[in-house]
Amino acid sequence: GRWNDFLWPMIVLNDTDMYPLASALSFLN
C-alpha cells in the first residue's frame, strides 16, 4: 500500500523531490 501510494502524497507534499515512486511516475505523462 505504501509503495503504491499515489494521490495522498501529491496532496500533502509541496516539494516534488520528496514524492514516492508511484507519484513521481506521473512526470512521465
mmCIF file of all heavy atoms, coordinates in Angstrom:
data_MODEL
# 
_entry.id   MODEL 
# 
loop_
_atom_site.group_PDB 
_atom_site.id 
_atom_site.type_symbol 
_atom_site.label_atom_id 
_atom_site.label_alt_id 
_atom_site.label_comp_id 
_atom_site.label_asym_id 
_atom_site.label_entity_id 
_atom_site.label_seq_id 
_atom_site.pdbx_PDB_ins_code 
_atom_site.Cartn_x 
_atom_site.Cartn_y 
_atom_site.Cartn_z 
_atom_site.occupancy 
_atom_site.B_iso_or_equiv 
_atom_site.pdbx_formal_charge 
_atom_site.auth_seq_id 
_atom_site.auth_comp_id 
_atom_site.auth_asym_id 
_atom_site.auth_atom_id 
_atom_site.pdbx_PDB_model_num 
ATOM 1   N N   . GLY A 1 1  ? 0.807  -1.209 0.000   1.00 0.00 ? 1  GLY A N   1 
ATOM 2   C CA  . GLY A 1 1  ? 0.000  0.000  0.000   1.00 0.00 ? 1  GLY A CA  1 
ATOM 3   C C   . GLY A 1 1  ? 0.842  1.261  0.000   1.00 0.00 ? 1  GLY A C   1 
ATOM 4   O O   . GLY A 1 1  ? 0.561  2.214  -0.736  1.00 0.00 ? 1  GLY A O   1 
ATOM 5   N N   . ARG A 1 2  ? 1.900  1.268  0.821   1.00 0.00 ? 2  ARG A N   1 
ATOM 6   C CA  . ARG A 1 2  ? 2.783  2.442  0.875   1.00 0.00 ? 2  ARG A CA  1 
ATOM 7   C C   . ARG A 1 2  ? 3.551  2.609  -0.435  1.00 0.00 ? 2  ARG A C   1 
ATOM 8   O O   . ARG A 1 2  ? 3.754  3.736  -0.900  1.00 0.00 ? 2  ARG A O   1 
ATOM 9   C CB  . ARG A 1 2  ? 3.779  2.288  2.028   1.00 0.00 ? 2  ARG A CB  1 
ATOM 10  C CG  . ARG A 1 2  ? 3.149  2.178  3.394   1.00 0.00 ? 2  ARG A CG  1 
ATOM 11  C CD  . ARG A 1 2  ? 2.641  3.512  3.871   1.00 0.00 ? 2  ARG A CD  1 
ATOM 12  N NE  . ARG A 1 2  ? 2.047  3.406  5.194   1.00 0.00 ? 2  ARG A NE  1 
ATOM 13  C CZ  . ARG A 1 2  ? 1.633  4.438  5.908   1.00 0.00 ? 2  ARG A CZ  1 
ATOM 14  N NH1 . ARG A 1 2  ? 1.746  5.659  5.411   1.00 0.00 ? 2  ARG A NH1 1 
ATOM 15  N NH2 . ARG A 1 2  ? 1.093  4.260  7.097   1.00 0.00 ? 2  ARG A NH2 1 
ATOM 16  N N   . TRP A 1 3  ? 3.992  1.513  -0.993  1.00 0.00 ? 3  TRP A N   1 
ATOM 17  C CA  . TRP A 1 3  ? 4.773  1.585  -2.229  1.00 0.00 ? 3  TRP A CA  1 
ATOM 18  C C   . TRP A 1 3  ? 3.936  2.112  -3.383  1.00 0.00 ? 3  TRP A C   1 
ATOM 19  O O   . TRP A 1 3  ? 4.440  2.829  -4.250  1.00 0.00 ? 3  TRP A O   1 
ATOM 20  C CB  . TRP A 1 3  ? 5.335  0.207  -2.571  1.00 0.00 ? 3  TRP A CB  1 
ATOM 21  C CG  . TRP A 1 3  ? 6.402  0.246  -3.615  1.00 0.00 ? 3  TRP A CG  1 
ATOM 22  C CD1 . TRP A 1 3  ? 6.230  0.134  -4.971  1.00 0.00 ? 3  TRP A CD1 1 
ATOM 23  C CD2 . TRP A 1 3  ? 7.804  0.437  -3.411  1.00 0.00 ? 3  TRP A CD2 1 
ATOM 24  N NE1 . TRP A 1 3  ? 7.435  0.229  -5.615  1.00 0.00 ? 3  TRP A NE1 1 
ATOM 25  C CE2 . TRP A 1 3  ? 8.424  0.420  -4.678  1.00 0.00 ? 3  TRP A CE2 1 
ATOM 26  C CE3 . TRP A 1 3  ? 8.592  0.607  -2.277  1.00 0.00 ? 3  TRP A CE3 1 
ATOM 27  C CZ2 . TRP A 1 3  ? 9.791  0.568  -4.839  1.00 0.00 ? 3  TRP A CZ2 1 
ATOM 28  C CZ3 . TRP A 1 3  ? 9.958  0.757  -2.436  1.00 0.00 ? 3  TRP A CZ3 1 
ATOM 29  C CH2 . TRP A 1 3  ? 10.544 0.744  -3.704  1.00 0.00 ? 3  TRP A CH2 1 
ATOM 30  N N   . ASN A 1 4  ? 2.646  1.769  -3.389  1.00 0.00 ? 4  ASN A N   1 
ATOM 31  C CA  . ASN A 1 4  ? 1.774  2.179  -4.489  1.00 0.00 ? 4  ASN A CA  1 
ATOM 32  C C   . ASN A 1 4  ? 0.981  3.439  -4.165  1.00 0.00 ? 4  ASN A C   1 
ATOM 33  O O   . ASN A 1 4  ? 0.081  3.816  -4.937  1.00 0.00 ? 4  ASN A O   1 
ATOM 34  C CB  . ASN A 1 4  ? 0.802  1.044  -4.839  1.00 0.00 ? 4  ASN A CB  1 
ATOM 35  C CG  . ASN A 1 4  ? 1.516  -0.183 -5.375  1.00 0.00 ? 4  ASN A CG  1 
ATOM 36  O OD1 . ASN A 1 4  ? 2.472  -0.066 -6.121  1.00 0.00 ? 4  ASN A OD1 1 
ATOM 37  N ND2 . ASN A 1 4  ? 1.050  -1.357 -4.980  1.00 0.00 ? 4  ASN A ND2 1 
ATOM 38  N N   . ASP A 1 5  ? 1.281  4.087  -3.045  1.00 0.00 ? 5  ASP A N   1 
ATOM 39  C CA  . ASP A 1 5  ? 0.556  5.295  -2.658  1.00 0.00 ? 5  ASP A CA  1 
ATOM 40  C C   . ASP A 1 5  ? 0.796  6.389  -3.699  1.00 0.00 ? 5  ASP A C   1 
ATOM 41  O O   . ASP A 1 5  ? 1.941  6.782  -3.947  1.00 0.00 ? 5  ASP A O   1 
ATOM 42  C CB  . ASP A 1 5  ? 1.026  5.762  -1.278  1.00 0.00 ? 5  ASP A CB  1 
ATOM 43  C CG  . ASP A 1 5  ? -0.013 6.634  -0.595  1.00 0.00 ? 5  ASP A CG  1 
ATOM 44  O OD1 . ASP A 1 5  ? -1.064 6.884  -1.204  1.00 0.00 ? 5  ASP A OD1 1 
ATOM 45  O OD2 . ASP A 1 5  ? 0.229  7.064  0.554   1.00 0.00 ? 5  ASP A OD2 1 
ATOM 46  N N   . PHE A 1 6  ? -0.286 6.892  -4.267  1.00 0.00 ? 6  PHE A N   1 
ATOM 47  C CA  . PHE A 1 6  ? -0.152 7.817  -5.396  1.00 0.00 ? 6  PHE A CA  1 
ATOM 48  C C   . PHE A 1 6  ? -0.758 9.201  -5.116  1.00 0.00 ? 6  PHE A C   1 
ATOM 49  O O   . PHE A 1 6  ? -0.072 10.218 -5.210  1.00 0.00 ? 6  PHE A O   1 
ATOM 50  C CB  . PHE A 1 6  ? -0.825 7.204  -6.631  1.00 0.00 ? 6  PHE A CB  1 
ATOM 51  C CG  . PHE A 1 6  ? -0.972 8.146  -7.785  1.00 0.00 ? 6  PHE A CG  1 
ATOM 52  C CD1 . PHE A 1 6  ? 0.123  8.501  -8.555  1.00 0.00 ? 6  PHE A CD1 1 
ATOM 53  C CD2 . PHE A 1 6  ? -2.213 8.683  -8.114  1.00 0.00 ? 6  PHE A CD2 1 
ATOM 54  C CE1 . PHE A 1 6  ? -0.007 9.379  -9.623  1.00 0.00 ? 6  PHE A CE1 1 
ATOM 55  C CE2 . PHE A 1 6  ? -2.355 9.551  -9.175  1.00 0.00 ? 6  PHE A CE2 1 
ATOM 56  C CZ  . PHE A 1 6  ? -1.253 9.904  -9.933  1.00 0.00 ? 6  PHE A CZ  1 
ATOM 57  N N   . LEU A 1 7  ? -2.030 9.234  -4.736  1.00 0.00 ? 7  LEU A N   1 
ATOM 58  C CA  . LEU A 1 7  ? -2.743 10.508 -4.665  1.00 0.00 ? 7  LEU A CA  1 
ATOM 59  C C   . LEU A 1 7  ? -2.407 11.322 -3.423  1.00 0.00 ? 7  LEU A C   1 
ATOM 60  O O   . LEU A 1 7  ? -2.110 12.522 -3.520  1.00 0.00 ? 7  LEU A O   1 
ATOM 61  C CB  . LEU A 1 7  ? -4.253 10.257 -4.735  1.00 0.00 ? 7  LEU A CB  1 
ATOM 62  C CG  . LEU A 1 7  ? -5.148 11.497 -4.686  1.00 0.00 ? 7  LEU A CG  1 
ATOM 63  C CD1 . LEU A 1 7  ? -4.832 12.431 -5.852  1.00 0.00 ? 7  LEU A CD1 1 
ATOM 64  C CD2 . LEU A 1 7  ? -6.618 11.089 -4.710  1.00 0.00 ? 7  LEU A CD2 1 
ATOM 65  N N   . TRP A 1 8  ? -2.437 10.682 -2.247  1.00 0.00 ? 8  TRP A N   1 
ATOM 66  C CA  . TRP A 1 8  ? -2.257 11.424 -0.993  1.00 0.00 ? 8  TRP A CA  1 
ATOM 67  C C   . TRP A 1 8  ? -0.907 12.148 -0.915  1.00 0.00 ? 8  TRP A C   1 
ATOM 68  O O   . TRP A 1 8  ? -0.867 13.315 -0.509  1.00 0.00 ? 8  TRP A O   1 
ATOM 69  C CB  . TRP A 1 8  ? -2.462 10.491 0.194   1.00 0.00 ? 8  TRP A CB  1 
ATOM 70  C CG  . TRP A 1 8  ? -2.334 11.169 1.528   1.00 0.00 ? 8  TRP A CG  1 
ATOM 71  C CD1 . TRP A 1 8  ? -1.356 10.985 2.453   1.00 0.00 ? 8  TRP A CD1 1 
ATOM 72  C CD2 . TRP A 1 8  ? -3.216 12.158 2.077   1.00 0.00 ? 8  TRP A CD2 1 
ATOM 73  N NE1 . TRP A 1 8  ? -1.567 11.778 3.549   1.00 0.00 ? 8  TRP A NE1 1 
ATOM 74  C CE2 . TRP A 1 8  ? -2.697 12.513 3.347   1.00 0.00 ? 8  TRP A CE2 1 
ATOM 75  C CE3 . TRP A 1 8  ? -4.377 12.776 1.625   1.00 0.00 ? 8  TRP A CE3 1 
ATOM 76  C CZ2 . TRP A 1 8  ? -3.311 13.460 4.160   1.00 0.00 ? 8  TRP A CZ2 1 
ATOM 77  C CZ3 . TRP A 1 8  ? -4.985 13.713 2.436   1.00 0.00 ? 8  TRP A CZ3 1 
ATOM 78  C CH2 . TRP A 1 8  ? -4.453 14.049 3.686   1.00 0.00 ? 8  TRP A CH2 1 
ATOM 79  N N   . PRO A 1 9  ? 0.204  11.511 -1.298  1.00 0.00 ? 9  PRO A N   1 
ATOM 80  C CA  . PRO A 1 9  ? 1.477  12.252 -1.257  1.00 0.00 ? 9  PRO A CA  1 
ATOM 81  C C   . PRO A 1 9  ? 1.473  13.492 -2.150  1.00 0.00 ? 9  PRO A C   1 
ATOM 82  O O   . PRO A 1 9  ? 2.087  14.514 -1.804  1.00 0.00 ? 9  PRO A O   1 
ATOM 83  C CB  . PRO A 1 9  ? 2.504  11.222 -1.753  1.00 0.00 ? 9  PRO A CB  1 
ATOM 84  C CG  . PRO A 1 9  ? 1.897  9.910  -1.437  1.00 0.00 ? 9  PRO A CG  1 
ATOM 85  C CD  . PRO A 1 9  ? 0.424  10.099 -1.635  1.00 0.00 ? 9  PRO A CD  1 
ATOM 86  N N   . MET A 1 10 ? 0.789  13.432 -3.285  1.00 0.00 ? 10 MET A N   1 
ATOM 87  C CA  . MET A 1 10 ? 0.734  14.590 -4.174  1.00 0.00 ? 10 MET A CA  1 
ATOM 88  C C   . MET A 1 10 ? -0.079 15.729 -3.560  1.00 0.00 ? 10 MET A C   1 
ATOM 89  O O   . MET A 1 10 ? 0.108  16.901 -3.897  1.00 0.00 ? 10 MET A O   1 
ATOM 90  C CB  . MET A 1 10 ? 0.131  14.183 -5.533  1.00 0.00 ? 10 MET A CB  1 
ATOM 91  C CG  . MET A 1 10 ? 0.961  13.157 -6.274  1.00 0.00 ? 10 MET A CG  1 
ATOM 92  S SD  . MET A 1 10 ? 0.225  12.643 -7.844  1.00 0.00 ? 10 MET A SD  1 
ATOM 93  C CE  . MET A 1 10 ? 0.425  14.133 -8.807  1.00 0.00 ? 10 MET A CE  1 
ATOM 94  N N   . ILE A 1 11 ? -0.983 15.387 -2.627  1.00 0.00 ? 11 ILE A N   1 
ATOM 95  C CA  . ILE A 1 11 ? -1.808 16.406 -1.980  1.00 0.00 ? 11 ILE A CA  1 
ATOM 96  C C   . ILE A 1 11 ? -1.049 17.116 -0.865  1.00 0.00 ? 11 ILE A C   1 
ATOM 97  O O   . ILE A 1 11 ? -1.124 18.345 -0.733  1.00 0.00 ? 11 ILE A O   1 
ATOM 98  C CB  . ILE A 1 11 ? -3.107 15.771 -1.423  1.00 0.00 ? 11 ILE A CB  1 
ATOM 99  C CG1 . ILE A 1 11 ? -3.980 15.257 -2.574  1.00 0.00 ? 11 ILE A CG1 1 
ATOM 100 C CG2 . ILE A 1 11 ? -3.888 16.772 -0.574  1.00 0.00 ? 11 ILE A CG2 1 
ATOM 101 C CD1 . ILE A 1 11 ? -5.206 14.496 -2.120  1.00 0.00 ? 11 ILE A CD1 1 
ATOM 102 N N   . VAL A 1 12 ? -0.291 16.375 -0.073  1.00 0.00 ? 12 VAL A N   1 
ATOM 103 C CA  . VAL A 1 12 ? 0.299  16.943 1.149   1.00 0.00 ? 12 VAL A CA  1 
ATOM 104 C C   . VAL A 1 12 ? 1.776  17.301 0.999   1.00 0.00 ? 12 VAL A C   1 
ATOM 105 O O   . VAL A 1 12 ? 2.330  17.976 1.884   1.00 0.00 ? 12 VAL A O   1 
ATOM 106 C CB  . VAL A 1 12 ? 0.121  15.969 2.337   1.00 0.00 ? 12 VAL A CB  1 
ATOM 107 C CG1 . VAL A 1 12 ? -1.344 15.771 2.649   1.00 0.00 ? 12 VAL A CG1 1 
ATOM 108 C CG2 . VAL A 1 12 ? 0.812  14.636 2.060   1.00 0.00 ? 12 VAL A CG2 1 
ATOM 109 N N   . LEU A 1 13 ? 2.431  16.852 -0.064  1.00 0.00 ? 13 LEU A N   1 
ATOM 110 C CA  . LEU A 1 13 ? 3.845  17.178 -0.249  1.00 0.00 ? 13 LEU A CA  1 
ATOM 111 C C   . LEU A 1 13 ? 3.988  18.337 -1.224  1.00 0.00 ? 13 LEU A C   1 
ATOM 112 O O   . LEU A 1 13 ? 3.503  18.262 -2.364  1.00 0.00 ? 13 LEU A O   1 
ATOM 113 C CB  . LEU A 1 13 ? 4.621  15.963 -0.761  1.00 0.00 ? 13 LEU A CB  1 
ATOM 114 C CG  . LEU A 1 13 ? 4.743  14.783 0.205   1.00 0.00 ? 13 LEU A CG  1 
ATOM 115 C CD1 . LEU A 1 13 ? 5.489  13.623 -0.447  1.00 0.00 ? 13 LEU A CD1 1 
ATOM 116 C CD2 . LEU A 1 13 ? 5.443  15.194 1.494   1.00 0.00 ? 13 LEU A CD2 1 
ATOM 117 N N   . ASN A 1 14 ? 4.629  19.393 -0.783  1.00 0.00 ? 14 ASN A N   1 
ATOM 118 C CA  . ASN A 1 14 ? 4.823  20.567 -1.632  1.00 0.00 ? 14 ASN A CA  1 
ATOM 119 C C   . ASN A 1 14 ? 6.028  20.425 -2.557  1.00 0.00 ? 14 ASN A C   1 
ATOM 120 O O   . ASN A 1 14 ? 6.056  20.990 -3.645  1.00 0.00 ? 14 ASN A O   1 
ATOM 121 C CB  . ASN A 1 14 ? 4.988  21.820 -0.763  1.00 0.00 ? 14 ASN A CB  1 
ATOM 122 C CG  . ASN A 1 14 ? 3.806  22.017 0.172   1.00 0.00 ? 14 ASN A CG  1 
ATOM 123 O OD1 . ASN A 1 14 ? 2.663  21.799 -0.225  1.00 0.00 ? 14 ASN A OD1 1 
ATOM 124 N ND2 . ASN A 1 14 ? 4.069  22.423 1.416   1.00 0.00 ? 14 ASN A ND2 1 
ATOM 125 N N   . ASP A 1 15 ? 7.033  19.682 -2.108  1.00 0.00 ? 15 ASP A N   1 
ATOM 126 C CA  . ASP A 1 15 ? 8.267  19.515 -2.862  1.00 0.00 ? 15 ASP A CA  1 
ATOM 127 C C   . ASP A 1 15 ? 8.198  18.216 -3.659  1.00 0.00 ? 15 ASP A C   1 
ATOM 128 O O   . ASP A 1 15 ? 8.081  17.128 -3.073  1.00 0.00 ? 15 ASP A O   1 
ATOM 129 C CB  . ASP A 1 15 ? 9.458  19.499 -1.895  1.00 0.00 ? 15 ASP A CB  1 
ATOM 130 C CG  . ASP A 1 15 ? 10.794 19.495 -2.625  1.00 0.00 ? 15 ASP A CG  1 
ATOM 131 O OD1 . ASP A 1 15 ? 10.790 19.504 -3.873  1.00 0.00 ? 15 ASP A OD1 1 
ATOM 132 O OD2 . ASP A 1 15 ? 11.844 19.498 -1.945  1.00 0.00 ? 15 ASP A OD2 1 
ATOM 133 N N   . THR A 1 16 ? 8.263  18.312 -4.971  1.00 0.00 ? 16 THR A N   1 
ATOM 134 C CA  . THR A 1 16 ? 8.186  17.108 -5.802  1.00 0.00 ? 16 THR A CA  1 
ATOM 135 C C   . THR A 1 16 ? 9.385  16.185 -5.600  1.00 0.00 ? 16 THR A C   1 
ATOM 136 O O   . THR A 1 16 ? 9.305  14.997 -5.920  1.00 0.00 ? 16 THR A O   1 
ATOM 137 C CB  . THR A 1 16 ? 8.076  17.486 -7.291  1.00 0.00 ? 16 THR A CB  1 
ATOM 138 O OG1 . THR A 1 16 ? 9.193  18.312 -7.653  1.00 0.00 ? 16 THR A OG1 1 
ATOM 139 C CG2 . THR A 1 16 ? 6.790  18.242 -7.557  1.00 0.00 ? 16 THR A CG2 1 
ATOM 140 N N   . ASP A 1 17 ? 10.495 16.719 -5.095  1.00 0.00 ? 17 ASP A N   1 
ATOM 141 C CA  . ASP A 1 17 ? 11.663 15.879 -4.837  1.00 0.00 ? 17 ASP A CA  1 
ATOM 142 C C   . ASP A 1 17 ? 11.414 14.898 -3.686  1.00 0.00 ? 17 ASP A C   1 
ATOM 143 O O   . ASP A 1 17 ? 12.202 13.971 -3.492  1.00 0.00 ? 17 ASP A O   1 
ATOM 144 C CB  . ASP A 1 17 ? 12.882 16.746 -4.504  1.00 0.00 ? 17 ASP A CB  1 
ATOM 145 C CG  . ASP A 1 17 ? 13.432 17.459 -5.727  1.00 0.00 ? 17 ASP A CG  1 
ATOM 146 O OD1 . ASP A 1 17 ? 13.157 16.980 -6.852  1.00 0.00 ? 17 ASP A OD1 1 
ATOM 147 O OD2 . ASP A 1 17 ? 14.116 18.481 -5.568  1.00 0.00 ? 17 ASP A OD2 1 
ATOM 148 N N   . MET A 1 18 ? 10.333 15.107 -2.915  1.00 0.00 ? 18 MET A N   1 
ATOM 149 C CA  . MET A 1 18 ? 10.001 14.218 -1.804  1.00 0.00 ? 18 MET A CA  1 
ATOM 150 C C   . MET A 1 18 ? 8.957  13.175 -2.203  1.00 0.00 ? 18 MET A C   1 
ATOM 151 O O   . MET A 1 18 ? 8.571  12.349 -1.386  1.00 0.00 ? 18 MET A O   1 
ATOM 152 C CB  . MET A 1 18 ? 9.482  15.032 -0.618  1.00 0.00 ? 18 MET A CB  1 
ATOM 153 C CG  . MET A 1 18 ? 10.486 16.005 -0.041  1.00 0.00 ? 18 MET A CG  1 
ATOM 154 S SD  . MET A 1 18 ? 9.790  16.970 1.324   1.00 0.00 ? 18 MET A SD  1 
ATOM 155 C CE  . MET A 1 18 ? 9.500  15.683 2.539   1.00 0.00 ? 18 MET A CE  1 
ATOM 156 N N   . TYR A 1 19 ? 8.511  13.197 -3.460  1.00 0.00 ? 19 TYR A N   1 
ATOM 157 C CA  . TYR A 1 19 ? 7.471  12.277 -3.902  1.00 0.00 ? 19 TYR A CA  1 
ATOM 158 C C   . TYR A 1 19 ? 7.930  10.819 -3.792  1.00 0.00 ? 19 TYR A C   1 
ATOM 159 O O   . TYR A 1 19 ? 9.105  10.503 -4.033  1.00 0.00 ? 19 TYR A O   1 
ATOM 160 C CB  . TYR A 1 19 ? 7.110  12.551 -5.357  1.00 0.00 ? 19 TYR A CB  1 
ATOM 161 C CG  . TYR A 1 19 ? 6.087  13.654 -5.562  1.00 0.00 ? 19 TYR A CG  1 
ATOM 162 C CD1 . TYR A 1 19 ? 5.649  14.442 -4.507  1.00 0.00 ? 19 TYR A CD1 1 
ATOM 163 C CD2 . TYR A 1 19 ? 5.566  13.900 -6.826  1.00 0.00 ? 19 TYR A CD2 1 
ATOM 164 C CE1 . TYR A 1 19 ? 4.725  15.444 -4.708  1.00 0.00 ? 19 TYR A CE1 1 
ATOM 165 C CE2 . TYR A 1 19 ? 4.639  14.907 -7.043  1.00 0.00 ? 19 TYR A CE2 1 
ATOM 166 C CZ  . TYR A 1 19 ? 4.227  15.679 -5.969  1.00 0.00 ? 19 TYR A CZ  1 
ATOM 167 O OH  . TYR A 1 19 ? 3.304  16.673 -6.174  1.00 0.00 ? 19 TYR A OH  1 
ATOM 168 N N   . PRO A 1 20 ? 7.009  9.912  -3.465  1.00 0.00 ? 20 PRO A N   1 
ATOM 169 C CA  . PRO A 1 20 ? 7.323  8.481  -3.611  1.00 0.00 ? 20 PRO A CA  1 
ATOM 170 C C   . PRO A 1 20 ? 7.317  8.099  -5.084  1.00 0.00 ? 20 PRO A C   1 
ATOM 171 O O   . PRO A 1 20 ? 6.913  8.879  -5.959  1.00 0.00 ? 20 PRO A O   1 
ATOM 172 C CB  . PRO A 1 20 ? 6.178  7.799  -2.845  1.00 0.00 ? 20 PRO A CB  1 
ATOM 173 C CG  . PRO A 1 20 ? 5.046  8.772  -2.918  1.00 0.00 ? 20 PRO A CG  1 
ATOM 174 C CD  . PRO A 1 20 ? 5.672  10.134 -2.895  1.00 0.00 ? 20 PRO A CD  1 
ATOM 175 N N   . LEU A 1 21 ? 7.719  6.881  -5.361  1.00 0.00 ? 21 LEU A N   1 
ATOM 176 C CA  . LEU A 1 21 ? 7.916  6.456  -6.747  1.00 0.00 ? 21 LEU A CA  1 
ATOM 177 C C   . LEU A 1 21 ? 6.622  6.483  -7.551  1.00 0.00 ? 21 LEU A C   1 
ATOM 178 O O   . LEU A 1 21 ? 6.609  6.925  -8.703  1.00 0.00 ? 21 LEU A O   1 
ATOM 179 C CB  . LEU A 1 21 ? 8.516  5.046  -6.768  1.00 0.00 ? 21 LEU A CB  1 
ATOM 180 C CG  . LEU A 1 21 ? 8.923  4.486  -8.127  1.00 0.00 ? 21 LEU A CG  1 
ATOM 181 C CD1 . LEU A 1 21 ? 9.886  5.426  -8.826  1.00 0.00 ? 21 LEU A CD1 1 
ATOM 182 C CD2 . LEU A 1 21 ? 9.542  3.109  -7.972  1.00 0.00 ? 21 LEU A CD2 1 
ATOM 183 N N   . ALA A 1 22 ? 5.508  6.035  -6.958  1.00 0.00 ? 22 ALA A N   1 
ATOM 184 C CA  . ALA A 1 22 ? 4.245  5.994  -7.692  1.00 0.00 ? 22 ALA A CA  1 
ATOM 185 C C   . ALA A 1 22 ? 3.803  7.387  -8.119  1.00 0.00 ? 22 ALA A C   1 
ATOM 186 O O   . ALA A 1 22 ? 3.314  7.583  -9.240  1.00 0.00 ? 22 ALA A O   1 
ATOM 187 C CB  . ALA A 1 22 ? 3.164  5.333  -6.841  1.00 0.00 ? 22 ALA A CB  1 
ATOM 188 N N   . SER A 1 23 ? 3.961  8.366  -7.229  1.00 0.00 ? 23 SER A N   1 
ATOM 189 C CA  . SER A 1 23 ? 3.592  9.743  -7.576  1.00 0.00 ? 23 SER A CA  1 
ATOM 190 C C   . SER A 1 23 ? 4.557  10.326 -8.600  1.00 0.00 ? 23 SER A C   1 
ATOM 191 O O   . SER A 1 23 ? 4.152  11.084 -9.488  1.00 0.00 ? 23 SER A O   1 
ATOM 192 C CB  . SER A 1 23 ? 3.585  10.613 -6.315  1.00 0.00 ? 23 SER A CB  1 
ATOM 193 O OG  . SER A 1 23 ? 2.660  10.130 -5.362  1.00 0.00 ? 23 SER A OG  1 
ATOM 194 N N   . ALA A 1 24 ? 5.842  9.983  -8.481  1.00 0.00 ? 24 ALA A N   1 
ATOM 195 C CA  . ALA A 1 24 ? 6.841  10.521 -9.406  1.00 0.00 ? 24 ALA A CA  1 
ATOM 196 C C   . ALA A 1 24 ? 6.634  10.013 -10.818 1.00 0.00 ? 24 ALA A C   1 
ATOM 197 O O   . ALA A 1 24 ? 7.019  10.682 -11.786 1.00 0.00 ? 24 ALA A O   1 
ATOM 198 C CB  . ALA A 1 24 ? 8.244  10.156 -8.926  1.00 0.00 ? 24 ALA A CB  1 
ATOM 199 N N   . LEU A 1 25 ? 6.001  8.844  -10.980 1.00 0.00 ? 25 LEU A N   1 
ATOM 200 C CA  . LEU A 1 25 ? 5.758  8.316  -12.317 1.00 0.00 ? 25 LEU A CA  1 
ATOM 201 C C   . LEU A 1 25 ? 4.796  9.205  -13.105 1.00 0.00 ? 25 LEU A C   1 
ATOM 202 O O   . LEU A 1 25 ? 4.725  9.102  -14.332 1.00 0.00 ? 25 LEU A O   1 
ATOM 203 C CB  . LEU A 1 25 ? 5.194  6.893  -12.237 1.00 0.00 ? 25 LEU A CB  1 
ATOM 204 C CG  . LEU A 1 25 ? 6.180  5.801  -11.819 1.00 0.00 ? 25 LEU A CG  1 
ATOM 205 C CD1 . LEU A 1 25 ? 5.474  4.469  -11.683 1.00 0.00 ? 25 LEU A CD1 1 
ATOM 206 C CD2 . LEU A 1 25 ? 7.333  5.701  -12.797 1.00 0.00 ? 25 LEU A CD2 1 
ATOM 207 N N   . SER A 1 26 ? 4.068  10.077 -12.405 1.00 0.00 ? 26 SER A N   1 
ATOM 208 C CA  . SER A 1 26 ? 3.166  10.998 -13.113 1.00 0.00 ? 26 SER A CA  1 
ATOM 209 C C   . SER A 1 26 ? 3.950  11.986 -13.969 1.00 0.00 ? 26 SER A C   1 
ATOM 210 O O   . SER A 1 26 ? 3.391  12.591 -14.884 1.00 0.00 ? 26 SER A O   1 
ATOM 211 C CB  . SER A 1 26 ? 2.296  11.761 -12.108 1.00 0.00 ? 26 SER A CB  1 
ATOM 212 O OG  . SER A 1 26 ? 3.094  12.567 -11.251 1.00 0.00 ? 26 SER A OG  1 
ATOM 213 N N   . PHE A 1 27 ? 5.254  12.163 -13.697 1.00 0.00 ? 27 PHE A N   1 
ATOM 214 C CA  . PHE A 1 27 ? 6.080  13.056 -14.513 1.00 0.00 ? 27 PHE A CA  1 
ATOM 215 C C   . PHE A 1 27 ? 6.220  12.538 -15.946 1.00 0.00 ? 27 PHE A C   1 
ATOM 216 O O   . PHE A 1 27 ? 6.561  13.306 -16.857 1.00 0.00 ? 27 PHE A O   1 
ATOM 217 C CB  . PHE A 1 27 ? 7.479  13.216 -13.901 1.00 0.00 ? 27 PHE A CB  1 
ATOM 218 C CG  . PHE A 1 27 ? 7.474  13.823 -12.534 1.00 0.00 ? 27 PHE A CG  1 
ATOM 219 C CD1 . PHE A 1 27 ? 8.465  13.498 -11.609 1.00 0.00 ? 27 PHE A CD1 1 
ATOM 220 C CD2 . PHE A 1 27 ? 6.494  14.714 -12.152 1.00 0.00 ? 27 PHE A CD2 1 
ATOM 221 C CE1 . PHE A 1 27 ? 8.467  14.059 -10.344 1.00 0.00 ? 27 PHE A CE1 1 
ATOM 222 C CE2 . PHE A 1 27 ? 6.482  15.281 -10.889 1.00 0.00 ? 27 PHE A CE2 1 
ATOM 223 C CZ  . PHE A 1 27 ? 7.473  14.954 -9.980  1.00 0.00 ? 27 PHE A CZ  1 
ATOM 224 N N   . LEU A 1 28 ? 5.978  11.238 -16.137 1.00 0.00 ? 28 LEU A N   1 
ATOM 225 C CA  . LEU A 1 28 ? 6.118  10.650 -17.469 1.00 0.00 ? 28 LEU A CA  1 
ATOM 226 C C   . LEU A 1 28 ? 4.921  10.970 -18.354 1.00 0.00 ? 28 LEU A C   1 
ATOM 227 O O   . LEU A 1 28 ? 4.963  10.727 -19.555 1.00 0.00 ? 28 LEU A O   1 
ATOM 228 C CB  . LEU A 1 28 ? 6.278  9.126  -17.357 1.00 0.00 ? 28 LEU A CB  1 
ATOM 229 C CG  . LEU A 1 28 ? 7.512  8.639  -16.581 1.00 0.00 ? 28 LEU A CG  1 
ATOM 230 C CD1 . LEU A 1 28 ? 7.501  7.124  -16.488 1.00 0.00 ? 28 LEU A CD1 1 
ATOM 231 C CD2 . LEU A 1 28 ? 8.795  9.124  -17.234 1.00 0.00 ? 28 LEU A CD2 1 
ATOM 232 N N   . ASN A 1 29 ? 3.865  11.484 -17.755 1.00 0.00 ? 29 ASN A N   1 
ATOM 233 C CA  . ASN A 1 29 ? 2.660  11.824 -18.508 1.00 0.00 ? 29 ASN A CA  1 
ATOM 234 C C   . ASN A 1 29 ? 2.711  13.299 -18.873 1.00 0.00 ? 29 ASN A C   1 
ATOM 235 O O   . ASN A 1 29 ? 2.486  14.166 -18.039 1.00 0.00 ? 29 ASN A O   1 
ATOM 236 C CB  . ASN A 1 29 ? 1.423  11.526 -17.663 1.00 0.00 ? 29 ASN A CB  1 
ATOM 237 C CG  . ASN A 1 29 ? 0.159  11.496 -18.490 1.00 0.00 ? 29 ASN A CG  1 
ATOM 238 O OD1 . ASN A 1 29 ? 0.203  11.708 -19.699 1.00 0.00 ? 29 ASN A OD1 1 
ATOM 239 N ND2 . ASN A 1 29 ? -0.964 11.234 -17.848 1.00 0.00 ? 29 ASN A ND2 1 
# 
